[in-house]
Amino acid sequence: MLRDELLSLLSPAVTGPPYPAADAASATPSAVLVIIHYHGDSPHIFLTKRSSSLKIHSGEIAFPGGRFVKEDGSLLTTALRETEEEIGVSFGADQIIGSLNVVRTMTSNHFIVPFLTVQERLPGHKLAPSEVEAILDAPLIETLMTIAPDVEHYHLARDSFKFTHQENTIWGATARIMKQLYDLLID
């Protein structure tokens, strides 16, 4: 899928207003950056495997991102700051095409705004081992095609889905963000 075609499919979904942190209400406001980039004509999605030493969501597959802090001023700034801290890649606000729908975590009460960028190629990255155990550079379409019901976590949410890349299972809030991409690009 070429970049222009991908952008035309994504654009209608990402034109909404930005979310202020106050929209999180009783949840913890958070933001992630969904990074789609290309290897030739093939779109890939950049995911991280969280460090197994973390107290929350350890070892899970996630997008780079994290909790809002007041100094950020906006959830977009949170996504950009956390991405730079976790994987050493710096993006400017002008490189963000918008955000997908907010998702909430099933277990830790986080309100997550997934911001989206589409890049021709991903710049060099350097992970922060205290936060990120590994980088997954997954082919986007092939990974989206692995969608399956997540029966293991069905008790947490009836509309649970999971995706796989190699031996990694993508579930929870990350899978709900991936499901939005599936609905836009595949369904």
N, C-alpha and C. Protein backbone atom coordinates (compact mmCIF):
# COMPACT_ATOMS: atom_id res chain seq x y z
N MET A 1 0.85 -1.17 0.00
CA MET A 1 0.00 0.00 0.00
C MET A 1 0.90 1.23 0.00
N LEU A 2 0.77 2.05 -1.01
CA LEU A 2 1.59 3.24 -1.13
C LEU A 2 1.17 4.30 -0.11
N ARG A 3 2.08 5.20 0.20
CA ARG A 3 1.86 6.22 1.23
C ARG A 3 0.62 7.08 0.95
N ASP A 4 0.44 7.53 -0.28
CA ASP A 4 -0.72 8.38 -0.60
C ASP A 4 -2.03 7.65 -0.38
N GLU A 5 -2.07 6.37 -0.76
CA GLU A 5 -3.29 5.57 -0.54
C GLU A 5 -3.54 5.39 0.95
N LEU A 6 -2.50 5.09 1.70
CA LEU A 6 -2.62 4.92 3.14
C LEU A 6 -3.14 6.20 3.79
N LEU A 7 -2.56 7.34 3.42
CA LEU A 7 -3.01 8.62 3.99
C LEU A 7 -4.45 8.92 3.63
N SER A 8 -4.87 8.60 2.42
CA SER A 8 -6.26 8.87 2.03
C SER A 8 -7.23 8.02 2.84
N LEU A 9 -6.83 6.82 3.23
CA LEU A 9 -7.70 5.96 4.04
C LEU A 9 -7.70 6.40 5.51
N LEU A 10 -6.59 6.91 5.99
CA LEU A 10 -6.49 7.32 7.39
C LEU A 10 -7.04 8.73 7.65
N SER A 11 -6.90 9.62 6.69
CA SER A 11 -7.23 11.04 6.89
C SER A 11 -8.62 11.31 7.45
N PRO A 12 -9.68 10.67 6.94
CA PRO A 12 -11.01 10.98 7.50
C PRO A 12 -11.15 10.66 8.98
N ALA A 13 -10.36 9.72 9.48
CA ALA A 13 -10.48 9.32 10.88
C ALA A 13 -9.67 10.18 11.83
N VAL A 14 -8.74 10.96 11.32
CA VAL A 14 -7.83 11.68 12.21
C VAL A 14 -8.01 13.20 12.14
N THR A 15 -9.15 13.66 11.70
CA THR A 15 -9.35 15.10 11.56
C THR A 15 -10.06 15.72 12.75
N GLY A 16 -10.32 14.92 13.80
CA GLY A 16 -11.04 15.44 14.95
C GLY A 16 -10.22 16.41 15.76
N PRO A 17 -10.85 17.04 16.76
CA PRO A 17 -10.15 18.01 17.61
C PRO A 17 -9.16 17.31 18.54
N PRO A 18 -8.12 18.02 18.96
CA PRO A 18 -7.21 17.42 19.94
C PRO A 18 -7.93 17.26 21.28
N TYR A 19 -7.46 16.33 22.09
CA TYR A 19 -8.08 16.06 23.38
C TYR A 19 -7.30 16.74 24.49
N PRO A 20 -7.93 17.61 25.27
CA PRO A 20 -7.23 18.15 26.43
C PRO A 20 -7.14 17.08 27.52
N ALA A 21 -6.14 17.15 28.36
CA ALA A 21 -5.95 16.16 29.42
C ALA A 21 -7.17 16.08 30.33
N ALA A 22 -7.89 17.19 30.48
CA ALA A 22 -9.07 17.20 31.34
C ALA A 22 -10.16 16.26 30.84
N ASP A 23 -10.15 15.88 29.56
CA ASP A 23 -11.14 14.96 29.03
C ASP A 23 -11.05 13.57 29.67
N ALA A 24 -9.95 13.29 30.32
CA ALA A 24 -9.77 11.97 30.93
C ALA A 24 -10.68 11.77 32.13
N ALA A 25 -11.23 12.85 32.68
CA ALA A 25 -12.11 12.79 33.85
C ALA A 25 -11.41 12.04 34.98
N SER A 26 -11.95 10.88 35.39
CA SER A 26 -11.38 10.16 36.53
C SER A 26 -10.24 9.22 36.14
N ALA A 27 -9.93 9.10 34.87
CA ALA A 27 -8.85 8.23 34.41
C ALA A 27 -7.54 9.01 34.35
N THR A 28 -6.44 8.29 34.23
CA THR A 28 -5.13 8.91 34.08
C THR A 28 -4.92 9.28 32.62
N PRO A 29 -4.76 10.56 32.30
CA PRO A 29 -4.56 10.94 30.90
C PRO A 29 -3.20 10.49 30.39
N SER A 30 -3.21 9.89 29.21
CA SER A 30 -2.00 9.36 28.61
C SER A 30 -2.07 9.54 27.10
N ALA A 31 -0.94 9.41 26.44
CA ALA A 31 -0.90 9.53 24.98
C ALA A 31 0.19 8.63 24.44
N VAL A 32 -0.06 8.11 23.25
CA VAL A 32 0.93 7.28 22.56
C VAL A 32 1.11 7.82 21.15
N LEU A 33 2.19 7.39 20.52
CA LEU A 33 2.43 7.78 19.13
C LEU A 33 2.44 6.52 18.27
N VAL A 34 1.49 6.45 17.36
CA VAL A 34 1.41 5.37 16.38
C VAL A 34 2.29 5.80 15.21
N ILE A 35 3.39 5.08 15.02
CA ILE A 35 4.36 5.45 13.99
C ILE A 35 4.25 4.44 12.85
N ILE A 36 3.74 4.91 11.72
CA ILE A 36 3.73 4.09 10.51
C ILE A 36 4.86 4.63 9.63
N HIS A 37 5.69 3.73 9.14
CA HIS A 37 6.80 4.13 8.29
C HIS A 37 6.98 3.07 7.22
N TYR A 38 7.80 3.36 6.27
CA TYR A 38 7.92 2.49 5.10
C TYR A 38 9.27 1.82 4.97
N HIS A 39 9.22 0.58 4.48
CA HIS A 39 10.38 -0.15 3.97
C HIS A 39 10.05 -0.33 2.49
N GLY A 40 10.60 0.50 1.64
CA GLY A 40 10.20 0.48 0.23
C GLY A 40 8.75 0.88 0.09
N ASP A 41 7.94 0.02 -0.52
CA ASP A 41 6.50 0.30 -0.67
C ASP A 41 5.66 -0.33 0.43
N SER A 42 6.29 -0.93 1.41
CA SER A 42 5.58 -1.68 2.45
C SER A 42 5.48 -0.88 3.75
N PRO A 43 4.24 -0.55 4.19
CA PRO A 43 4.09 0.15 5.46
C PRO A 43 4.36 -0.79 6.63
N HIS A 44 5.06 -0.27 7.61
CA HIS A 44 5.37 -0.99 8.84
C HIS A 44 4.86 -0.17 10.02
N ILE A 45 4.65 -0.85 11.12
CA ILE A 45 4.22 -0.17 12.34
C ILE A 45 5.26 -0.43 13.42
N PHE A 46 5.56 0.60 14.16
CA PHE A 46 6.62 0.56 15.15
C PHE A 46 6.00 0.32 16.53
N LEU A 47 6.36 -0.78 17.17
CA LEU A 47 5.85 -1.13 18.49
C LEU A 47 7.02 -1.38 19.43
N THR A 48 6.74 -1.32 20.71
CA THR A 48 7.77 -1.61 21.70
C THR A 48 7.30 -2.76 22.59
N LYS A 49 8.25 -3.48 23.12
CA LYS A 49 7.95 -4.45 24.18
C LYS A 49 8.41 -3.79 25.46
N ARG A 50 7.46 -3.54 26.35
CA ARG A 50 7.78 -2.85 27.60
C ARG A 50 8.69 -3.69 28.47
N SER A 51 9.54 -3.04 29.21
CA SER A 51 10.48 -3.72 30.08
C SER A 51 9.74 -4.61 31.07
N SER A 52 10.28 -5.79 31.31
CA SER A 52 9.66 -6.71 32.26
C SER A 52 9.87 -6.25 33.71
N SER A 53 10.70 -5.23 33.92
CA SER A 53 10.92 -4.71 35.27
C SER A 53 9.91 -3.61 35.66
N LEU A 54 9.07 -3.19 34.72
CA LEU A 54 8.09 -2.15 35.03
C LEU A 54 6.98 -2.71 35.92
N LYS A 55 6.40 -1.86 36.76
CA LYS A 55 5.34 -2.30 37.67
C LYS A 55 4.00 -2.48 36.96
N ILE A 56 3.74 -1.65 35.95
CA ILE A 56 2.45 -1.69 35.25
C ILE A 56 2.69 -2.07 33.79
N HIS A 57 1.89 -3.00 33.30
CA HIS A 57 1.93 -3.43 31.89
C HIS A 57 3.32 -3.94 31.48
N SER A 58 4.03 -4.56 32.42
CA SER A 58 5.38 -5.06 32.11
C SER A 58 5.33 -6.15 31.05
N GLY A 59 6.29 -6.10 30.14
CA GLY A 59 6.43 -7.10 29.10
C GLY A 59 5.38 -7.04 27.99
N GLU A 60 4.46 -6.10 28.08
CA GLU A 60 3.40 -6.01 27.07
C GLU A 60 3.90 -5.27 25.83
N ILE A 61 3.24 -5.52 24.72
CA ILE A 61 3.53 -4.82 23.47
C ILE A 61 2.72 -3.53 23.46
N ALA A 62 3.37 -2.43 23.13
CA ALA A 62 2.72 -1.13 23.23
C ALA A 62 3.28 -0.17 22.18
N PHE A 63 2.59 0.92 22.01
CA PHE A 63 3.12 2.03 21.23
C PHE A 63 3.95 2.89 22.17
N PRO A 64 4.96 3.60 21.68
CA PRO A 64 5.69 4.50 22.57
C PRO A 64 4.74 5.57 23.11
N GLY A 65 4.87 5.85 24.38
CA GLY A 65 4.00 6.85 24.99
C GLY A 65 3.94 6.68 26.49
N GLY A 66 3.08 7.48 27.12
CA GLY A 66 2.97 7.39 28.57
C GLY A 66 2.03 8.42 29.15
N ARG A 67 2.19 8.63 30.44
CA ARG A 67 1.31 9.52 31.20
C ARG A 67 1.58 10.99 30.94
N PHE A 68 0.50 11.74 30.94
CA PHE A 68 0.55 13.20 30.86
C PHE A 68 1.11 13.76 32.17
N VAL A 69 1.97 14.74 32.06
CA VAL A 69 2.40 15.54 33.21
C VAL A 69 2.09 17.00 32.88
N LYS A 70 1.78 17.77 33.90
CA LYS A 70 1.33 19.17 33.68
C LYS A 70 2.31 19.97 32.85
N GLU A 71 3.61 19.71 33.01
CA GLU A 71 4.62 20.45 32.25
C GLU A 71 4.47 20.22 30.74
N ASP A 72 3.85 19.12 30.34
CA ASP A 72 3.64 18.86 28.92
C ASP A 72 2.71 19.90 28.30
N GLY A 73 1.68 20.28 29.02
CA GLY A 73 0.72 21.26 28.50
C GLY A 73 -0.32 20.66 27.58
N SER A 74 0.01 19.58 26.86
CA SER A 74 -0.95 18.92 25.97
C SER A 74 -0.62 17.44 25.86
N LEU A 75 -1.62 16.67 25.48
CA LEU A 75 -1.40 15.24 25.30
C LEU A 75 -0.51 14.95 24.10
N LEU A 76 -0.54 15.81 23.09
CA LEU A 76 0.37 15.63 21.96
C LEU A 76 1.82 15.77 22.43
N THR A 77 2.09 16.75 23.26
CA THR A 77 3.43 16.92 23.80
C THR A 77 3.84 15.70 24.62
N THR A 78 2.88 15.12 25.35
CA THR A 78 3.16 13.90 26.11
C THR A 78 3.62 12.78 25.17
N ALA A 79 2.87 12.56 24.08
CA ALA A 79 3.22 11.50 23.13
C ALA A 79 4.61 11.74 22.54
N LEU A 80 4.91 12.97 22.17
CA LEU A 80 6.21 13.29 21.57
C LEU A 80 7.34 13.14 22.59
N ARG A 81 7.12 13.61 23.80
CA ARG A 81 8.15 13.52 24.85
C ARG A 81 8.43 12.06 25.19
N GLU A 82 7.38 11.30 25.41
CA GLU A 82 7.55 9.90 25.79
C GLU A 82 8.21 9.09 24.67
N THR A 83 7.87 9.40 23.43
CA THR A 83 8.49 8.69 22.30
C THR A 83 9.99 8.95 22.28
N GLU A 84 10.36 10.20 22.49
CA GLU A 84 11.79 10.52 22.51
C GLU A 84 12.49 9.85 23.69
N GLU A 85 11.84 9.84 24.86
CA GLU A 85 12.44 9.22 26.04
C GLU A 85 12.60 7.71 25.85
N GLU A 86 11.59 7.04 25.29
CA GLU A 86 11.59 5.58 25.21
C GLU A 86 12.43 5.03 24.06
N ILE A 87 12.37 5.69 22.90
CA ILE A 87 13.04 5.11 21.73
C ILE A 87 14.03 6.07 21.06
N GLY A 88 14.21 7.25 21.65
CA GLY A 88 15.21 8.18 21.13
C GLY A 88 14.89 8.79 19.78
N VAL A 89 13.62 8.80 19.40
CA VAL A 89 13.22 9.40 18.12
C VAL A 89 12.40 10.65 18.42
N SER A 90 12.82 11.75 17.79
CA SER A 90 12.15 13.03 18.01
C SER A 90 11.32 13.40 16.79
N PHE A 91 10.04 13.68 17.03
CA PHE A 91 9.14 14.16 15.99
C PHE A 91 8.63 15.53 16.38
N GLY A 92 8.32 16.36 15.39
CA GLY A 92 7.71 17.65 15.64
C GLY A 92 6.20 17.55 15.50
N ALA A 93 5.50 18.49 16.12
CA ALA A 93 4.04 18.49 16.04
C ALA A 93 3.55 18.56 14.59
N ASP A 94 4.34 19.20 13.71
CA ASP A 94 3.95 19.30 12.31
C ASP A 94 4.02 17.96 11.57
N GLN A 95 4.61 16.93 12.19
CA GLN A 95 4.70 15.61 11.58
C GLN A 95 3.56 14.68 12.01
N ILE A 96 2.67 15.20 12.84
CA ILE A 96 1.54 14.41 13.35
C ILE A 96 0.33 14.72 12.48
N ILE A 97 -0.30 13.66 11.94
CA ILE A 97 -1.46 13.91 11.06
C ILE A 97 -2.77 13.99 11.82
N GLY A 98 -2.78 13.65 13.10
CA GLY A 98 -3.98 13.73 13.92
C GLY A 98 -3.99 12.62 14.94
N SER A 99 -5.17 12.32 15.46
CA SER A 99 -5.29 11.26 16.46
C SER A 99 -6.46 10.35 16.12
N LEU A 100 -6.34 9.12 16.54
CA LEU A 100 -7.42 8.16 16.41
C LEU A 100 -8.33 8.32 17.63
N ASN A 101 -9.35 7.47 17.74
CA ASN A 101 -10.26 7.54 18.88
C ASN A 101 -9.54 7.14 20.16
N VAL A 102 -9.94 7.78 21.23
CA VAL A 102 -9.40 7.50 22.56
C VAL A 102 -9.74 6.06 22.95
N VAL A 103 -8.82 5.40 23.63
CA VAL A 103 -9.09 4.09 24.21
C VAL A 103 -8.77 4.16 25.70
N ARG A 104 -9.39 3.27 26.44
CA ARG A 104 -9.10 3.16 27.87
C ARG A 104 -8.49 1.79 28.14
N THR A 105 -7.57 1.76 29.09
CA THR A 105 -7.01 0.47 29.47
C THR A 105 -8.07 -0.30 30.24
N MET A 106 -7.96 -1.61 30.21
CA MET A 106 -8.94 -2.46 30.89
C MET A 106 -8.60 -2.65 32.36
N THR A 107 -7.36 -2.46 32.73
CA THR A 107 -6.96 -2.80 34.10
C THR A 107 -6.38 -1.64 34.90
N SER A 108 -5.79 -0.64 34.25
CA SER A 108 -5.08 0.40 35.01
C SER A 108 -5.70 1.80 34.91
N ASN A 109 -6.90 1.90 34.35
CA ASN A 109 -7.65 3.16 34.30
C ASN A 109 -6.89 4.31 33.64
N HIS A 110 -6.34 4.06 32.46
CA HIS A 110 -5.70 5.10 31.66
C HIS A 110 -6.59 5.45 30.48
N PHE A 111 -6.66 6.73 30.17
CA PHE A 111 -7.35 7.30 29.02
C PHE A 111 -6.24 7.61 28.03
N ILE A 112 -6.22 6.92 26.89
CA ILE A 112 -5.08 7.03 25.97
C ILE A 112 -5.50 7.66 24.65
N VAL A 113 -4.83 8.74 24.29
CA VAL A 113 -5.03 9.34 22.98
C VAL A 113 -3.92 8.84 22.06
N PRO A 114 -4.30 8.11 20.99
CA PRO A 114 -3.29 7.63 20.04
C PRO A 114 -3.07 8.63 18.90
N PHE A 115 -1.95 9.33 18.94
CA PHE A 115 -1.60 10.25 17.86
C PHE A 115 -0.93 9.45 16.76
N LEU A 116 -0.96 9.97 15.54
CA LEU A 116 -0.53 9.21 14.39
C LEU A 116 0.43 10.01 13.52
N THR A 117 1.51 9.36 13.11
CA THR A 117 2.43 9.95 12.14
C THR A 117 2.72 8.90 11.07
N VAL A 118 2.90 9.36 9.84
CA VAL A 118 3.26 8.48 8.73
C VAL A 118 4.54 9.04 8.13
N GLN A 119 5.59 8.23 8.14
CA GLN A 119 6.91 8.66 7.71
C GLN A 119 7.39 7.80 6.54
N GLU A 120 8.17 8.40 5.66
CA GLU A 120 8.77 7.63 4.56
C GLU A 120 9.71 6.57 5.12
N ARG A 121 10.49 6.94 6.10
CA ARG A 121 11.39 5.99 6.76
C ARG A 121 11.54 6.42 8.21
N LEU A 122 11.86 5.48 9.02
CA LEU A 122 12.04 5.77 10.43
C LEU A 122 13.48 6.16 10.69
N PRO A 123 13.70 7.27 11.38
CA PRO A 123 15.07 7.63 11.72
C PRO A 123 15.65 6.60 12.70
N GLY A 124 16.96 6.63 12.86
CA GLY A 124 17.60 5.73 13.81
C GLY A 124 16.99 5.88 15.19
N HIS A 125 16.93 4.80 15.92
CA HIS A 125 16.32 4.85 17.24
C HIS A 125 17.26 4.19 18.26
N LYS A 126 17.04 4.56 19.51
CA LYS A 126 17.83 4.01 20.61
C LYS A 126 16.89 3.84 21.80
N LEU A 127 16.68 2.60 22.18
CA LEU A 127 15.72 2.36 23.24
C LEU A 127 16.29 2.63 24.62
N ALA A 128 15.39 3.02 25.53
CA ALA A 128 15.74 3.23 26.93
C ALA A 128 15.48 1.91 27.65
N PRO A 129 16.52 1.15 28.01
CA PRO A 129 16.32 -0.19 28.57
C PRO A 129 15.49 -0.22 29.86
N SER A 130 15.45 0.88 30.59
CA SER A 130 14.64 0.90 31.82
C SER A 130 13.14 0.88 31.49
N GLU A 131 12.78 1.25 30.26
CA GLU A 131 11.38 1.29 29.88
C GLU A 131 11.02 0.32 28.76
N VAL A 132 11.97 0.09 27.85
CA VAL A 132 11.70 -0.70 26.66
C VAL A 132 12.69 -1.86 26.55
N GLU A 133 12.15 -3.05 26.45
CA GLU A 133 12.97 -4.26 26.35
C GLU A 133 13.36 -4.55 24.90
N ALA A 134 12.45 -4.27 23.97
CA ALA A 134 12.71 -4.58 22.57
C ALA A 134 11.86 -3.72 21.65
N ILE A 135 12.30 -3.62 20.41
CA ILE A 135 11.59 -2.90 19.36
C ILE A 135 10.99 -3.94 18.41
N LEU A 136 9.73 -3.72 18.02
CA LEU A 136 9.10 -4.55 17.01
C LEU A 136 8.80 -3.65 15.82
N ASP A 137 9.34 -3.99 14.70
CA ASP A 137 9.09 -3.24 13.47
C ASP A 137 8.26 -4.17 12.58
N ALA A 138 6.96 -4.12 12.75
CA ALA A 138 6.06 -5.11 12.16
C ALA A 138 5.47 -4.62 10.84
N PRO A 139 5.37 -5.49 9.84
CA PRO A 139 4.68 -5.12 8.61
C PRO A 139 3.21 -4.84 8.94
N LEU A 140 2.75 -3.65 8.62
CA LEU A 140 1.43 -3.21 9.05
C LEU A 140 0.30 -4.10 8.56
N ILE A 141 0.16 -4.28 7.27
CA ILE A 141 -0.99 -5.01 6.71
C ILE A 141 -0.97 -6.46 7.18
N GLU A 142 0.19 -7.11 7.12
CA GLU A 142 0.29 -8.50 7.55
C GLU A 142 -0.08 -8.65 9.03
N THR A 143 0.35 -7.72 9.86
CA THR A 143 0.02 -7.78 11.28
C THR A 143 -1.46 -7.53 11.51
N LEU A 144 -2.04 -6.57 10.80
CA LEU A 144 -3.48 -6.33 10.94
C LEU A 144 -4.30 -7.56 10.53
N MET A 145 -3.80 -8.32 9.57
CA MET A 145 -4.52 -9.50 9.09
C MET A 145 -4.53 -10.65 10.11
N THR A 146 -3.76 -10.54 11.18
CA THR A 146 -3.74 -11.59 12.21
C THR A 146 -4.85 -11.41 13.24
N ILE A 147 -5.73 -10.46 13.05
CA ILE A 147 -6.78 -10.17 14.02
C ILE A 147 -7.55 -11.45 14.39
N ALA A 148 -7.80 -11.57 15.70
CA ALA A 148 -8.56 -12.70 16.21
C ALA A 148 -9.25 -12.27 17.50
N PRO A 149 -10.35 -12.91 17.87
CA PRO A 149 -10.96 -12.60 19.16
C PRO A 149 -9.97 -12.92 20.29
N ASP A 150 -9.97 -12.11 21.31
CA ASP A 150 -9.08 -12.32 22.44
C ASP A 150 -9.89 -12.99 23.55
N VAL A 151 -10.04 -14.30 23.45
CA VAL A 151 -10.86 -15.03 24.41
C VAL A 151 -10.23 -15.07 25.80
N GLU A 152 -8.91 -14.93 25.86
CA GLU A 152 -8.23 -14.93 27.16
C GLU A 152 -8.64 -13.74 28.01
N HIS A 153 -8.90 -12.60 27.39
CA HIS A 153 -9.26 -11.38 28.11
C HIS A 153 -10.71 -10.97 27.89
N TYR A 154 -11.51 -11.89 27.39
CA TYR A 154 -12.91 -11.60 27.07
C TYR A 154 -13.68 -11.11 28.29
N HIS A 155 -13.32 -11.59 29.48
CA HIS A 155 -14.01 -11.16 30.70
C HIS A 155 -13.79 -9.68 31.01
N LEU A 156 -12.74 -9.09 30.46
CA LEU A 156 -12.46 -7.68 30.69
C LEU A 156 -13.24 -6.78 29.74
N ALA A 157 -13.43 -7.22 28.53
CA ALA A 157 -14.19 -6.46 27.53
C ALA A 157 -14.68 -7.43 26.45
N ARG A 158 -15.95 -7.37 26.18
CA ARG A 158 -16.55 -8.32 25.23
C ARG A 158 -16.06 -8.12 23.80
N ASP A 159 -15.58 -6.94 23.49
CA ASP A 159 -15.09 -6.68 22.13
C ASP A 159 -13.57 -6.76 22.06
N SER A 160 -13.01 -7.71 22.79
CA SER A 160 -11.55 -7.85 22.84
C SER A 160 -11.02 -8.55 21.59
N PHE A 161 -9.96 -7.98 21.04
CA PHE A 161 -9.27 -8.56 19.90
C PHE A 161 -7.80 -8.65 20.24
N LYS A 162 -7.11 -9.47 19.48
CA LYS A 162 -5.66 -9.53 19.61
C LYS A 162 -5.05 -9.64 18.22
N PHE A 163 -3.80 -9.29 18.13
CA PHE A 163 -3.01 -9.39 16.91
C PHE A 163 -1.71 -10.09 17.28
N THR A 164 -1.02 -10.63 16.30
CA THR A 164 0.26 -11.25 16.59
C THR A 164 1.30 -10.79 15.58
N HIS A 165 2.52 -10.72 16.07
CA HIS A 165 3.68 -10.47 15.22
C HIS A 165 4.79 -11.36 15.75
N GLN A 166 5.21 -12.29 14.89
CA GLN A 166 6.16 -13.31 15.31
C GLN A 166 5.60 -14.01 16.54
N GLU A 167 6.32 -14.08 17.64
CA GLU A 167 5.80 -14.77 18.82
C GLU A 167 5.11 -13.82 19.80
N ASN A 168 4.92 -12.58 19.41
CA ASN A 168 4.36 -11.56 20.30
C ASN A 168 2.86 -11.39 20.10
N THR A 169 2.13 -11.36 21.22
CA THR A 169 0.69 -11.11 21.19
C THR A 169 0.45 -9.65 21.55
N ILE A 170 -0.33 -8.99 20.73
CA ILE A 170 -0.70 -7.59 20.94
C ILE A 170 -2.14 -7.60 21.41
N TRP A 171 -2.39 -7.14 22.63
CA TRP A 171 -3.74 -7.19 23.17
C TRP A 171 -4.02 -5.90 23.94
N GLY A 172 -5.18 -5.82 24.55
CA GLY A 172 -5.54 -4.69 25.39
C GLY A 172 -5.71 -3.40 24.61
N ALA A 173 -5.29 -2.29 25.22
CA ALA A 173 -5.47 -0.97 24.59
C ALA A 173 -4.71 -0.88 23.27
N THR A 174 -3.54 -1.49 23.20
CA THR A 174 -2.77 -1.46 21.95
C THR A 174 -3.54 -2.16 20.85
N ALA A 175 -4.16 -3.29 21.17
CA ALA A 175 -4.96 -4.01 20.17
C ALA A 175 -6.19 -3.21 19.77
N ARG A 176 -6.78 -2.46 20.70
CA ARG A 176 -7.95 -1.64 20.33
C ARG A 176 -7.55 -0.49 19.41
N ILE A 177 -6.34 0.01 19.55
CA ILE A 177 -5.83 1.01 18.61
C ILE A 177 -5.57 0.34 17.26
N MET A 178 -4.96 -0.84 17.30
CA MET A 178 -4.72 -1.59 16.05
C MET A 178 -6.04 -1.93 15.35
N LYS A 179 -7.07 -2.22 16.13
CA LYS A 179 -8.39 -2.53 15.55
C LYS A 179 -8.92 -1.32 14.78
N GLN A 180 -8.67 -0.12 15.28
CA GLN A 180 -9.08 1.08 14.54
C GLN A 180 -8.37 1.14 13.18
N LEU A 181 -7.08 0.82 13.18
CA LEU A 181 -6.32 0.78 11.92
C LEU A 181 -6.87 -0.31 11.00
N TYR A 182 -7.19 -1.45 11.55
CA TYR A 182 -7.79 -2.55 10.78
C TYR A 182 -9.08 -2.08 10.13
N ASP A 183 -9.94 -1.43 10.91
CA ASP A 183 -11.23 -0.96 10.37
C ASP A 183 -11.04 0.06 9.24
N LEU A 184 -10.01 0.88 9.34
CA LEU A 184 -9.76 1.90 8.33
C LEU A 184 -9.06 1.36 7.07
N LEU A 185 -8.16 0.41 7.27
CA LEU A 185 -7.31 -0.03 6.17
C LEU A 185 -7.69 -1.37 5.55
N ILE A 186 -8.37 -2.23 6.30
CA ILE A 186 -8.65 -3.58 5.82
C ILE A 186 -10.15 -3.82 5.64
N ASP A 187 -10.91 -3.53 6.69
CA ASP A 187 -12.33 -3.87 6.73
C ASP A 187 -13.15 -3.21 5.64
